[in-house]
Amino acid sequence: MSTPTPNLTPLDTNRPPDNTHLLWDDVRQELTDTQWTDLPGASINLAVGQGTPSYGAVFVATFSAEAIVSHPDNNAVANVTVFFGNDQAAPVSSNHRFVTARGNPEWSSHTLIRVADFPVALPTRNVTARVKVRVSSGATAGFQNWVLKIERYNR
């Protein structure tokens, strides 16, 4: 399945981000939810619009973690993505496999990058970045030693 190319406004890539936010945790967490669920602690408060650092922005999220998935049939996945407010960051897909259970599962390191573009607008909008996870039915996903980095490019 391919994801359509998003209609993002080009960004000047010759400049550093206006702000960089970092958050990390070394606590091991296990999740079994089959619907998008917040990874506990993996949230950075952000906003755009009047009274915020900018009226619009492009956010680049990088998430890295050690992860594992276990399932009695050794055939399951943990999907991971980043939401900004209620919007799923690009690329948007129904298949965001982060880690897969195959054979004898082991902990391994994985990283993803997602992008969200919020055009210039006056009203203040909460676009808090949250890492979300969903796991195959009957599976357990573990996450530890994760890092969430958000780069903000003001518009």
Protein backbone atom coordinates (compact mmCIF):
# COMPACT_ATOMS: atom_id res chain seq x y z
CA MET A 1 0.00 0.00 0.00
CA SER A 2 1.41 3.38 -0.89
CA THR A 3 0.69 6.62 0.89
CA PRO A 4 -0.26 9.62 -1.26
CA THR A 5 2.24 12.44 -1.32
CA PRO A 6 1.10 15.10 1.16
CA ASN A 7 0.44 18.62 -0.07
CA LEU A 8 2.99 20.29 2.17
CA THR A 9 4.26 23.78 1.52
CA PRO A 10 7.99 23.64 0.69
CA LEU A 11 10.26 24.42 3.60
CA ASP A 12 13.59 26.22 3.38
CA THR A 13 15.93 23.39 4.31
CA ASN A 14 18.93 25.70 4.55
CA ARG A 15 18.01 26.93 8.02
CA PRO A 16 17.99 25.29 11.43
CA PRO A 17 14.73 24.68 13.27
CA ASP A 18 13.34 27.60 15.25
CA ASN A 19 12.88 25.35 18.31
CA THR A 20 13.87 21.80 19.18
CA HIS A 21 12.12 19.89 21.94
CA LEU A 22 13.55 16.68 23.45
CA LEU A 23 11.93 14.16 25.74
CA TRP A 24 13.10 10.70 26.76
CA ASP A 25 12.44 7.91 29.21
CA ASP A 26 14.17 4.66 30.12
CA VAL A 27 11.20 3.01 31.87
CA ARG A 28 9.96 -0.22 30.25
CA GLN A 29 6.29 -0.07 29.30
CA GLU A 30 4.00 -2.75 27.89
CA LEU A 31 0.88 -2.07 25.81
CA THR A 32 -1.85 -4.33 24.45
CA ASP A 33 -4.36 -1.83 23.02
CA THR A 34 -5.59 -2.52 19.49
CA GLN A 35 -6.65 1.14 19.00
CA TRP A 36 -4.30 4.14 18.85
CA THR A 37 -3.20 4.74 22.45
CA ASP A 38 -0.75 7.28 23.87
CA LEU A 39 2.64 5.89 24.82
CA PRO A 40 2.75 7.05 28.47
CA GLY A 41 4.97 10.09 28.90
CA ALA A 42 5.71 10.57 25.18
CA SER A 43 3.96 13.92 24.78
CA ILE A 44 5.29 17.45 24.14
CA ASN A 45 2.95 20.44 24.56
CA LEU A 46 2.88 22.59 21.39
CA ALA A 47 0.60 25.26 19.96
CA VAL A 48 0.30 27.50 16.89
CA GLY A 49 -1.64 30.71 16.36
CA GLN A 50 -2.01 33.95 18.26
CA GLY A 51 -0.03 34.08 21.52
CA THR A 52 2.28 31.20 20.54
CA PRO A 53 5.79 31.20 19.02
CA SER A 54 4.27 31.38 15.50
CA TYR A 55 0.96 31.54 13.63
CA GLY A 56 1.88 28.44 11.63
CA ALA A 57 4.64 25.85 11.65
CA VAL A 58 6.03 22.68 10.19
CA PHE A 59 6.89 20.11 12.85
CA VAL A 60 9.30 17.24 12.25
CA ALA A 61 9.01 14.43 14.80
CA THR A 62 11.68 11.80 15.29
CA PHE A 63 10.86 8.91 17.60
CA SER A 64 13.32 6.20 18.51
CA ALA A 65 12.88 3.30 20.94
CA GLU A 66 13.93 -0.18 21.84
CA ALA A 67 10.86 -2.31 21.18
CA ILE A 68 9.56 -5.86 21.18
CA VAL A 69 6.30 -7.58 20.23
CA SER A 70 5.25 -10.97 21.52
CA HIS A 71 2.31 -13.11 20.46
CA PRO A 72 1.52 -16.81 21.00
CA ASP A 73 1.59 -17.38 17.21
CA ASN A 74 4.76 -15.25 16.76
CA ASN A 75 2.94 -13.19 14.13
CA ALA A 76 2.00 -9.70 15.31
CA VAL A 77 2.97 -6.07 14.90
CA ALA A 78 3.14 -2.87 16.89
CA ASN A 79 2.22 0.19 14.87
CA VAL A 80 3.62 3.54 15.98
CA THR A 81 3.00 7.06 14.71
CA VAL A 82 2.88 10.63 15.96
CA PHE A 83 -0.24 12.77 16.33
CA PHE A 84 -0.18 16.57 16.56
CA GLY A 85 -3.36 17.51 18.37
CA ASN A 86 -6.00 15.29 16.77
CA ASP A 87 -4.15 15.08 13.42
CA GLN A 88 -2.01 12.13 12.47
CA ALA A 89 1.35 13.28 11.10
CA ALA A 90 2.41 12.45 7.55
CA PRO A 91 2.84 10.04 6.03
CA VAL A 92 -0.60 8.81 7.03
CA SER A 93 -1.16 5.11 6.46
CA SER A 94 -3.08 2.20 7.91
CA ASN A 95 0.20 0.28 8.14
CA HIS A 96 2.80 1.93 10.40
CA ARG A 97 4.71 -1.20 11.40
CA PHE A 98 7.32 -0.26 13.97
CA VAL A 99 8.28 -3.72 15.22
CA THR A 100 7.15 -7.22 14.25
CA ALA A 101 7.00 -10.49 16.20
CA ARG A 102 8.65 -13.24 14.18
CA GLY A 103 10.04 -16.49 15.56
CA ASN A 104 11.69 -15.80 18.91
CA PRO A 105 11.15 -12.01 19.44
CA GLU A 106 14.00 -9.90 20.75
CA TRP A 107 14.37 -6.28 21.79
CA SER A 108 15.62 -4.13 18.91
CA SER A 109 16.04 -0.43 18.17
CA HIS A 110 13.69 1.34 15.73
CA THR A 111 13.22 4.93 14.56
CA LEU A 112 10.54 6.80 12.62
CA ILE A 113 10.15 10.34 11.30
CA ARG A 114 6.81 12.10 10.81
CA VAL A 115 5.90 15.60 9.58
CA ALA A 116 2.95 17.90 10.28
CA ASP A 117 2.29 21.20 8.49
CA PHE A 118 0.03 23.79 10.10
CA PRO A 119 -0.63 26.78 7.82
CA VAL A 120 -0.60 30.31 9.17
CA ALA A 121 -3.85 31.07 11.03
CA LEU A 122 -4.82 33.51 13.77
CA PRO A 123 -6.81 31.22 16.11
CA THR A 124 -4.71 29.43 18.71
CA ARG A 125 -4.59 25.69 18.11
CA ASN A 126 -3.31 22.97 20.46
CA VAL A 127 -1.01 20.73 18.42
CA THR A 128 0.56 18.76 21.26
CA ALA A 129 2.78 16.00 19.85
CA ARG A 130 1.93 12.52 21.13
CA VAL A 131 3.43 9.18 20.21
CA LYS A 132 0.64 6.67 19.68
CA VAL A 133 0.84 2.89 19.57
CA ARG A 134 -1.54 0.15 18.48
CA VAL A 135 -0.86 -3.57 18.77
CA SER A 136 -2.20 -6.63 16.96
CA SER A 137 -4.97 -8.47 18.78
CA GLY A 138 -3.60 -10.82 21.42
CA ALA A 139 -0.12 -9.31 21.29
CA THR A 140 1.94 -7.39 23.82
CA ALA A 141 4.32 -4.63 22.76
CA GLY A 142 7.14 -3.38 24.92
CA PHE A 143 8.93 -0.03 24.66
CA GLN A 144 11.94 1.22 26.57
CA ASN A 145 14.75 3.75 26.28
CA TRP A 146 12.74 5.97 23.93
CA VAL A 147 13.50 9.46 22.68
CA LEU A 148 11.05 11.92 21.12
CA LYS A 149 12.49 14.93 19.29
CA ILE A 150 10.29 17.64 17.78
CA GLU A 151 11.81 20.27 15.48
CA ARG A 152 9.67 23.36 14.89
CA TYR A 153 10.03 25.47 11.74
CA ASN A 154 7.92 28.60 12.17
CA ARG A 155 5.90 29.96 9.22
